[in-house]
C-alpha atoms as a PDB file:
ATOM      1  CA  MET A   1     170.327  84.674 110.997  1.00  0.00           C
ATOM      2  CA  ALA A   2     166.888  83.753 112.189  1.00  0.00           C
ATOM      3  CA  GLU A   3     164.984  86.216 114.390  1.00  0.00           C
ATOM      4  CA  THR A   4     164.138  83.405 116.905  1.00  0.00           C
ATOM      5  CA  LEU A   5     165.347  79.949 117.785  1.00  0.00           C
ATOM      6  CA  LEU A   6     161.833  78.712 117.961  1.00  0.00           C
ATOM      7  CA  GLU A   7     160.081  76.961 114.947  1.00  0.00           C
ATOM      8  CA  PHE A   8     156.530  77.879 114.564  1.00  0.00           C
ATOM      9  CA  PRO A   9     153.943  76.618 115.226  1.00  0.00           C
ATOM     10  CA  CYS A  10     155.045  75.208 118.591  1.00  0.00           C
ATOM     11  CA  ASP A  11     153.674  74.486 121.944  1.00  0.00           C
ATOM     12  CA  PHE A  12     155.037  77.350 124.288  1.00  0.00           C
ATOM     13  CA  PRO A  13     154.541  77.211 128.130  1.00  0.00           C
ATOM     14  CA  LEU A  14     154.123  80.526 129.870  1.00  0.00           C
ATOM     15  CA  LYS A  15     154.322  80.711 133.754  1.00  0.00           C
ATOM     16  CA  ILE A  16     152.385  83.643 135.114  1.00  0.00           C
ATOM     17  CA  MET A  17     152.645  84.528 138.730  1.00  0.00           C
ATOM     18  CA  GLY A  18     150.488  86.910 140.758  1.00  0.00           C
ATOM     19  CA  ALA A  19     148.663  87.421 144.108  1.00  0.00           C
ATOM     20  CA  ALA A  20     146.161  84.689 144.850  1.00  0.00           C
ATOM     21  CA  GLU A  21     143.017  86.826 144.133  1.00  0.00           C
ATOM     22  CA  ALA A  22     139.627  85.358 143.402  1.00  0.00           C
ATOM     23  CA  ASP A  23     139.601  86.322 139.676  1.00  0.00           C
ATOM     24  CA  PHE A  24     143.259  86.033 138.898  1.00  0.00           C
ATOM     25  CA  ALA A  25     143.059  82.858 136.884  1.00  0.00           C
ATOM     26  CA  GLN A  26     139.972  83.946 134.951  1.00  0.00           C
ATOM     27  CA  SER A  27     141.658  87.311 134.101  1.00  0.00           C
ATOM     28  CA  ILE A  28     144.770  85.641 132.869  1.00  0.00           C
ATOM     29  CA  VAL A  29     142.909  83.038 130.803  1.00  0.00           C
ATOM     30  CA  ALA A  30     141.068  86.017 129.098  1.00  0.00           C
ATOM     31  CA  VAL A  31     144.325  87.704 128.148  1.00  0.00           C
ATOM     32  CA  VAL A  32     145.741  84.387 126.893  1.00  0.00           C
ATOM     33  CA  LEU A  33     142.700  83.633 124.779  1.00  0.00           C
ATOM     34  CA  ALA A  34     142.765  87.050 123.205  1.00  0.00           C
ATOM     35  CA  HIS A  35     146.214  86.178 121.753  1.00  0.00           C
ATOM     36  CA  ALA A  36     145.747  82.413 121.285  1.00  0.00           C
ATOM     37  CA  PRO A  37     141.980  81.687 120.584  1.00  0.00           C
ATOM     38  CA  ASP A  38     142.653  77.952 120.314  1.00  0.00           C
ATOM     39  CA  PHE A  39     143.997  77.814 123.984  1.00  0.00           C
ATOM     40  CA  ASP A  40     142.188  75.295 126.152  1.00  0.00           C
ATOM     41  CA  PRO A  41     141.608  76.869 129.547  1.00  0.00           C
ATOM     42  CA  GLY A  42     141.036  73.338 130.983  1.00  0.00           C
ATOM     43  CA  LEU A  43     144.669  72.739 130.614  1.00  0.00           C
ATOM     44  CA  VAL A  44     145.870  75.530 132.855  1.00  0.00           C
ATOM     45  CA  GLU A  45     148.176  74.273 135.706  1.00  0.00           C
ATOM     46  CA  MET A  46     147.652  76.166 138.979  1.00  0.00           C
ATOM     47  CA  ARG A  47     149.939  76.037 141.859  1.00  0.00           C
ATOM     48  CA  ALA A  48     149.676  78.109 145.179  1.00  0.00           C
ATOM     49  CA  SER A  49     152.665  79.289 146.988  1.00  0.00           C
ATOM     50  CA  LYS A  50     153.518  77.594 150.262  1.00  0.00           C
ATOM     51  CA  GLY A  51     151.944  80.460 152.233  1.00  0.00           C
ATOM     52  CA  GLY A  52     149.002  80.749 149.796  1.00  0.00           C
ATOM     53  CA  LYS A  53     149.635  84.401 149.094  1.00  0.00           C
ATOM     54  CA  TYR A  54     150.639  83.816 145.411  1.00  0.00           C
ATOM     55  CA  LEU A  55     149.242  81.743 142.525  1.00  0.00           C
ATOM     56  CA  SER A  56     151.331  80.488 139.664  1.00  0.00           C
ATOM     57  CA  LEU A  57     149.655  79.546 136.366  1.00  0.00           C
ATOM     58  CA  THR A  58     151.329  77.599 133.569  1.00  0.00           C
ATOM     59  CA  CYS A  59     149.483  78.202 130.229  1.00  0.00           C
ATOM     60  CA  THR A  60     150.827  76.270 127.191  1.00  0.00           C
ATOM     61  CA  VAL A  61     149.776  77.954 124.118  1.00  0.00           C
ATOM     62  CA  ARG A  62     150.176  76.849 120.475  1.00  0.00           C
ATOM     63  CA  ALA A  63     152.342  79.744 119.198  1.00  0.00           C
ATOM     64  CA  VAL A  64     152.142  80.535 115.572  1.00  0.00           C
ATOM     65  CA  SER A  65     154.717  83.501 115.474  1.00  0.00           C
ATOM     66  CA  GLN A  66     157.188  85.438 117.474  1.00  0.00           C
ATOM     67  CA  GLN A  67     154.929  88.478 117.170  1.00  0.00           C
ATOM     68  CA  GLN A  68     152.048  86.643 118.750  1.00  0.00           C
ATOM     69  CA  LEU A  69     154.284  85.623 121.788  1.00  0.00           C
ATOM     70  CA  ASP A  70     155.646  89.079 122.164  1.00  0.00           C
ATOM     71  CA  ALA A  71     152.263  90.662 122.135  1.00  0.00           C
ATOM     72  CA  LEU A  72     150.978  88.147 124.664  1.00  0.00           C
ATOM     73  CA  TYR A  73     154.119  88.678 126.876  1.00  0.00           C
ATOM     74  CA  ARG A  74     153.673  92.481 126.692  1.00  0.00           C
ATOM     75  CA  GLU A  75     150.012  92.341 127.705  1.00  0.00           C
ATOM     76  CA  LEU A  76     150.609  89.875 130.452  1.00  0.00           C
ATOM     77  CA  THR A  77     153.525  91.812 131.976  1.00  0.00           C
ATOM     78  CA  ALA A  78     151.415  95.028 131.871  1.00  0.00           C
ATOM     79  CA  HIS A  79     148.500  93.354 133.612  1.00  0.00           C
ATOM     80  CA  PRO A  80     148.038  94.901 137.128  1.00  0.00           C
ATOM     81  CA  MET A  81     147.465  91.451 138.739  1.00  0.00           C
ATOM     82  CA  VAL A  82     150.687  89.962 137.381  1.00  0.00           C
ATOM     83  CA  LYS A  83     153.925  90.054 139.227  1.00  0.00           C
ATOM     84  CA  VAL A  84     156.165  87.904 137.005  1.00  0.00           C
ATOM     85  CA  VAL A  85     155.932  86.170 133.620  1.00  0.00           C
ATOM     86  CA  LEU A  86     158.500  83.470 132.674  1.00  0.00           C
END
């Protein structure tokens, strides 16, 4: 049985939500780039919550392994500015 249902490499979207702070997007992009150096920050989709209190970023990375995704997910969920990662 395979460890994952994903076939690598693949494009994998991550939705990262946090408080709408001035450097939230830059901080998240730096974490993503550390794990996926070929990630294009220009492709980040940003959406503010209705009240403007939260910001949602969708970062689609070219994932090369489950280990890469796991490490990226762990670092994002441990980030103090991040509330949720989907």
